Amino acid sequence: MVKNMNNKNELTYRFATIEDIDILVSTRMDILIDMLKLDPDTDMSELEAATRPYYERAIADGTQLAVLVFDGDKFVGAGAVCLYAVMPTFYNISGKRGYIMNMYTCPEYRGRGIATKTVDMLVNKCKELGYTHITLAATDMGQPVYERYGFKKQEDQMVYKITD
């Protein structure tokens, strides 16, 4: 556990375990409602049901690392990195890649460096595990945080959706 003093509040940062699935799932739903600007009463039950087994598998097998942030017993923030492999390239011999996602800080705690500390923990864990390439999709609010950390803005991705 990592503790940090910010504005007289002692914040605790830790990596999530399988016991944290409820927090991870509910936070994911909150992030999507906020990011997609959905009505807070939107029925997320189907997505929630699909998300729970993902976390159960990914946390257990280490393909998802998540940091949870607490002020005492109160949850105040989170961030995660999905770990995966692609074919090795000239610029990434290991093929190991990380994708940072689910970055969230409760509104009343924003501006205290929580996101920066969370990204730092995720990046350092990736380095420790031998990952050399980390990407993310930044919101307008998050982009300055990532740029200050050293992430470089790139072109957006293209997606092809396979249909029946």
Protein backbone atom coordinates (compact mmCIF):
# COMPACT_ATOMS: atom_id res chain seq x y z
CA MET A 1 0.00 0.00 0.00
CA VAL A 2 1.20 3.51 -0.82
CA LYS A 3 0.06 6.43 1.31
CA ASN A 4 0.14 10.05 0.26
CA MET A 5 -0.72 13.24 2.15
CA ASN A 6 -2.83 15.67 0.12
CA ASN A 7 -4.75 18.59 1.60
CA LYS A 8 -4.73 17.02 5.10
CA ASN A 9 -6.38 13.85 3.76
CA GLU A 10 -4.41 10.65 3.96
CA LEU A 11 -4.99 8.82 0.70
CA THR A 12 -4.23 5.14 0.27
CA TYR A 13 -3.29 3.69 -3.14
CA ARG A 14 -3.29 -0.06 -3.71
CA PHE A 15 -3.53 -2.61 -6.49
CA ALA A 16 -6.92 -4.29 -6.72
CA THR A 17 -7.42 -7.94 -5.91
CA ILE A 18 -10.18 -10.38 -6.76
CA GLU A 19 -11.96 -9.22 -3.59
CA ASP A 20 -12.38 -5.77 -5.20
CA ILE A 21 -14.56 -6.93 -8.12
CA ASP A 22 -17.65 -5.07 -6.86
CA ILE A 23 -15.74 -1.77 -6.68
CA LEU A 24 -14.18 -2.34 -10.12
CA VAL A 25 -17.51 -3.17 -11.78
CA SER A 26 -19.45 -0.30 -10.21
CA THR A 27 -16.66 2.16 -11.02
CA ARG A 28 -16.60 0.98 -14.64
CA MET A 29 -20.35 1.61 -14.92
CA ASP A 30 -19.98 5.09 -13.37
CA ILE A 31 -17.12 5.93 -15.74
CA LEU A 32 -19.13 4.87 -18.80
CA ILE A 33 -22.22 6.80 -17.69
CA ASP A 34 -20.06 9.89 -17.17
CA MET A 35 -17.88 9.49 -20.29
CA LEU A 36 -20.80 8.73 -22.62
CA LYS A 37 -22.95 11.40 -20.96
CA LEU A 38 -25.72 8.87 -20.29
CA ASP A 39 -28.65 9.46 -17.98
CA PRO A 40 -27.57 8.31 -14.49
CA ASP A 41 -30.65 6.05 -14.44
CA THR A 42 -29.56 4.19 -17.59
CA ASP A 43 -29.95 0.44 -17.20
CA MET A 44 -26.39 -0.90 -17.13
CA SER A 45 -27.32 -4.39 -15.89
CA GLU A 46 -26.45 -6.23 -19.12
CA LEU A 47 -23.05 -4.54 -19.40
CA GLU A 48 -22.44 -5.04 -15.70
CA ALA A 49 -23.19 -8.77 -16.05
CA ALA A 50 -20.69 -9.01 -18.93
CA THR A 51 -18.05 -6.95 -17.10
CA ARG A 52 -17.98 -8.99 -13.89
CA PRO A 53 -16.60 -12.22 -15.49
CA TYR A 54 -14.06 -10.16 -17.43
CA TYR A 55 -12.66 -8.72 -14.20
CA GLU A 56 -12.75 -12.11 -12.47
CA ARG A 57 -10.60 -13.59 -15.24
CA ALA A 58 -8.36 -10.60 -15.95
CA ILE A 59 -7.51 -9.79 -12.33
CA ALA A 60 -6.83 -13.48 -11.63
CA ASP A 61 -4.58 -14.00 -14.68
CA GLY A 62 -2.83 -10.62 -14.43
CA THR A 63 -3.97 -9.23 -17.78
CA GLN A 64 -5.58 -6.30 -15.97
CA LEU A 65 -3.96 -4.35 -13.17
CA ALA A 66 -6.08 -1.79 -11.37
CA VAL A 67 -5.16 0.81 -8.77
CA LEU A 68 -7.79 1.82 -6.22
CA VAL A 69 -7.54 5.04 -4.20
CA PHE A 70 -9.20 5.55 -0.83
CA ASP A 71 -9.58 8.40 1.64
CA GLY A 72 -9.95 6.31 4.78
CA ASP A 73 -12.70 3.86 3.86
CA LYS A 74 -14.11 6.08 1.10
CA PHE A 75 -13.34 5.12 -2.52
CA VAL A 76 -12.11 8.24 -4.35
CA GLY A 77 -10.34 7.10 -7.52
CA ALA A 78 -9.09 4.35 -9.78
CA GLY A 79 -7.14 3.53 -12.89
CA ALA A 80 -6.25 0.37 -14.76
CA VAL A 81 -3.99 -1.03 -17.41
CA CYS A 82 -4.85 -3.93 -19.70
CA LEU A 83 -1.79 -6.01 -20.56
CA TYR A 84 -1.56 -7.85 -23.86
CA ALA A 85 0.88 -9.04 -26.49
CA VAL A 86 1.15 -8.34 -30.19
CA MET A 87 3.58 -9.69 -32.74
CA PRO A 88 7.06 -8.32 -32.02
CA THR A 89 8.10 -5.36 -34.11
CA PHE A 90 11.36 -3.56 -34.76
CA TYR A 91 10.30 -0.92 -32.18
CA ASN A 92 8.80 -3.37 -29.66
CA ILE A 93 10.79 -6.61 -29.69
CA SER A 94 8.86 -8.10 -26.74
CA GLY A 95 5.46 -7.36 -28.28
CA LYS A 96 4.26 -6.49 -24.76
CA ARG A 97 1.76 -3.63 -24.68
CA GLY A 98 -0.31 -1.92 -22.04
CA TYR A 99 -3.49 0.10 -22.47
CA ILE A 100 -4.43 2.47 -19.65
CA MET A 101 -8.14 2.88 -19.09
CA ASN A 102 -10.81 3.46 -16.44
CA MET A 103 -9.03 6.46 -14.98
CA TYR A 104 -11.41 8.10 -12.55
CA THR A 105 -11.26 10.53 -9.65
CA CYS A 106 -14.35 11.56 -7.66
CA PRO A 107 -15.13 15.17 -8.57
CA GLU A 108 -14.47 16.56 -5.09
CA TYR A 109 -10.97 15.02 -5.13
CA ARG A 110 -9.86 16.26 -8.55
CA GLY A 111 -6.83 18.51 -8.84
CA ARG A 112 -4.93 16.77 -6.01
CA GLY A 113 -2.61 14.66 -8.17
CA ILE A 114 -4.55 11.41 -7.73
CA ALA A 115 -4.59 10.62 -11.46
CA THR A 116 -0.87 11.37 -11.79
CA LYS A 117 0.01 9.11 -8.85
CA THR A 118 -2.25 6.36 -10.24
CA VAL A 119 -0.66 6.57 -13.71
CA ASP A 120 2.76 6.50 -12.08
CA MET A 121 1.92 3.27 -10.23
CA LEU A 122 0.55 1.67 -13.41
CA VAL A 123 3.52 2.72 -15.57
CA ASN A 124 6.04 1.56 -12.98
CA LYS A 125 4.32 -1.83 -12.67
CA CYS A 126 4.37 -2.17 -16.46
CA LYS A 127 8.10 -1.38 -16.49
CA GLU A 128 8.67 -3.94 -13.74
CA LEU A 129 6.86 -6.57 -15.84
CA GLY A 130 8.88 -5.77 -18.98
CA TYR A 131 6.30 -3.72 -20.90
CA THR A 132 7.76 -0.94 -23.02
CA HIS A 133 4.73 0.47 -24.85
CA ILE A 134 1.68 1.95 -23.12
CA THR A 135 -1.17 3.66 -24.89
CA LEU A 136 -4.43 5.29 -23.82
CA ALA A 137 -7.35 7.32 -25.11
CA ALA A 138 -7.49 10.61 -23.23
CA THR A 139 -10.55 12.67 -22.42
CA ASP A 140 -10.22 16.44 -22.70
CA MET A 141 -9.94 16.61 -18.90
CA GLY A 142 -7.31 13.86 -18.70
CA GLN A 143 -5.11 14.88 -21.62
CA PRO A 144 -3.07 17.50 -19.69
CA VAL A 145 -2.34 14.95 -16.95
CA TYR A 146 -0.99 12.44 -19.46
CA GLU A 147 0.97 15.06 -21.41
CA ARG A 148 2.66 16.27 -18.21
CA TYR A 149 3.54 12.66 -17.46
CA GLY A 150 5.17 12.28 -20.91
CA PHE A 151 2.51 10.63 -23.09
CA LYS A 152 2.53 11.95 -26.67
CA LYS A 153 -0.63 12.64 -28.62
CA GLN A 154 -1.14 10.39 -31.67
CA GLU A 155 -3.67 9.97 -34.40
CA ASP A 156 -6.89 8.21 -33.49
CA GLN A 157 -7.39 4.54 -34.31
CA MET A 158 -9.55 2.98 -36.99
CA VAL A 159 -11.97 0.21 -36.11
CA TYR A 160 -13.72 -2.45 -38.21
CA LYS A 161 -16.79 -4.05 -36.70
CA ILE A 162 -17.55 -7.58 -37.82
CA THR A 163 -21.27 -8.17 -38.24
CA ASP A 164 -23.28 -11.35 -38.67
